Amino acid sequence: MTDGPAITLYRLQACPFCERVVRVLDEYDLDYRSRFVEPLHSRRNVVKRVSGKRTVPAIVDENTGVTMSESANIVDYLHATYGGEA
């Protein structure tokens, strides 16, 4: 077990795709850690080490062992994993 939230969100300040993921995390009242990354795409090595890509948003969910990027995929994953019954 790690200290702090099991979900880490790699994001940029004022990124609309990142904010879309934040809204869903907040909607499900999920505890998460924000890691703001380097704005310059070629310098986002921390994200590349985690997800294999330099794109944000990216999440690491230690609850399920899932790492992914692309906001639409992350939102779908969060709905499927934490959304519960409709």
Protein backbone atom coordinates (compact mmCIF):
# COMPACT_ATOMS: atom_id res chain seq x y z
CA MET A 1 0.00 0.00 0.00
CA THR A 2 1.30 3.45 -0.86
CA ASP A 3 0.99 6.70 1.02
CA GLY A 4 -1.58 9.04 -0.43
CA PRO A 5 -4.08 8.53 -3.23
CA ALA A 6 -3.94 5.44 -5.43
CA ILE A 7 -4.67 7.49 -8.57
CA THR A 8 -2.10 9.86 -10.01
CA LEU A 9 -3.12 12.28 -12.76
CA TYR A 10 -0.41 13.75 -14.94
CA ARG A 11 -1.69 17.04 -16.31
CA LEU A 12 -1.00 20.52 -17.58
CA GLN A 13 -2.29 23.75 -16.10
CA ALA A 14 -5.38 25.01 -17.97
CA CYS A 15 -5.52 21.96 -20.27
CA PRO A 16 -9.17 21.37 -21.29
CA PHE A 17 -8.58 17.63 -21.81
CA CYS A 18 -7.03 17.38 -18.35
CA GLU A 19 -9.93 19.33 -16.83
CA ARG A 20 -12.38 16.89 -18.43
CA VAL A 21 -10.68 14.05 -16.49
CA VAL A 22 -10.61 16.14 -13.29
CA ARG A 23 -14.39 16.69 -13.55
CA VAL A 24 -15.01 12.92 -13.69
CA LEU A 25 -12.59 12.23 -10.83
CA ASP A 26 -14.43 14.86 -8.77
CA GLU A 27 -17.84 13.55 -9.87
CA TYR A 28 -16.98 10.15 -8.37
CA ASP A 29 -15.32 11.79 -5.35
CA LEU A 30 -12.09 9.94 -6.10
CA ASP A 31 -8.99 10.88 -4.18
CA TYR A 32 -6.14 11.56 -6.60
CA ARG A 33 -2.75 13.21 -6.79
CA SER A 34 -2.11 15.83 -9.48
CA ARG A 35 1.33 15.92 -11.04
CA PHE A 36 1.72 19.00 -13.19
CA VAL A 37 4.13 18.29 -16.02
CA GLU A 38 6.50 20.28 -18.17
CA PRO A 39 4.55 22.35 -20.75
CA LEU A 40 7.14 21.67 -23.46
CA HIS A 41 6.10 18.37 -25.06
CA SER A 42 9.68 17.20 -25.69
CA ARG A 43 10.49 17.58 -21.99
CA ARG A 44 7.67 15.47 -20.56
CA ASN A 45 9.96 12.58 -19.73
CA VAL A 46 8.17 11.79 -16.46
CA VAL A 47 4.96 11.09 -18.39
CA LYS A 48 6.82 9.08 -21.04
CA ARG A 49 8.36 6.88 -18.33
CA VAL A 50 4.92 6.23 -16.85
CA SER A 51 2.68 5.83 -19.91
CA GLY A 52 5.06 5.40 -22.84
CA LYS A 53 3.82 8.66 -24.37
CA ARG A 54 4.42 12.32 -23.67
CA THR A 55 0.75 13.27 -23.99
CA VAL A 56 -1.43 14.42 -21.12
CA PRO A 57 -3.67 13.73 -19.43
CA ALA A 58 -2.35 10.39 -18.27
CA ILE A 59 -3.37 8.43 -15.18
CA VAL A 60 -1.89 5.68 -13.10
CA ASP A 61 -4.46 3.80 -11.01
CA GLU A 62 -2.70 1.66 -8.42
CA ASN A 63 -6.07 0.18 -7.41
CA THR A 64 -6.31 -1.68 -10.71
CA GLY A 65 -2.78 -1.50 -12.13
CA VAL A 66 -4.01 0.53 -15.09
CA THR A 67 -1.92 3.22 -16.78
CA MET A 68 -3.40 5.12 -19.70
CA SER A 69 -3.46 8.36 -21.60
CA GLU A 70 -5.97 10.16 -23.85
CA SER A 71 -8.81 11.93 -22.05
CA ALA A 72 -11.66 10.06 -23.79
CA ASN A 73 -10.15 6.70 -22.84
CA ILE A 74 -9.53 7.82 -19.26
CA VAL A 75 -13.09 9.13 -18.88
CA ASP A 76 -14.52 5.86 -20.26
CA TYR A 77 -12.28 3.88 -17.90
CA LEU A 78 -13.32 5.95 -14.87
CA HIS A 79 -17.04 5.54 -15.70
CA ALA A 80 -16.62 1.79 -16.20
CA THR A 81 -14.47 1.27 -13.10
CA TYR A 82 -15.90 3.71 -10.57
CA GLY A 83 -19.29 4.66 -11.99
CA GLY A 84 -21.19 1.81 -10.38
CA GLU A 85 -24.76 1.09 -11.30
CA ALA A 86 -26.66 3.74 -13.23
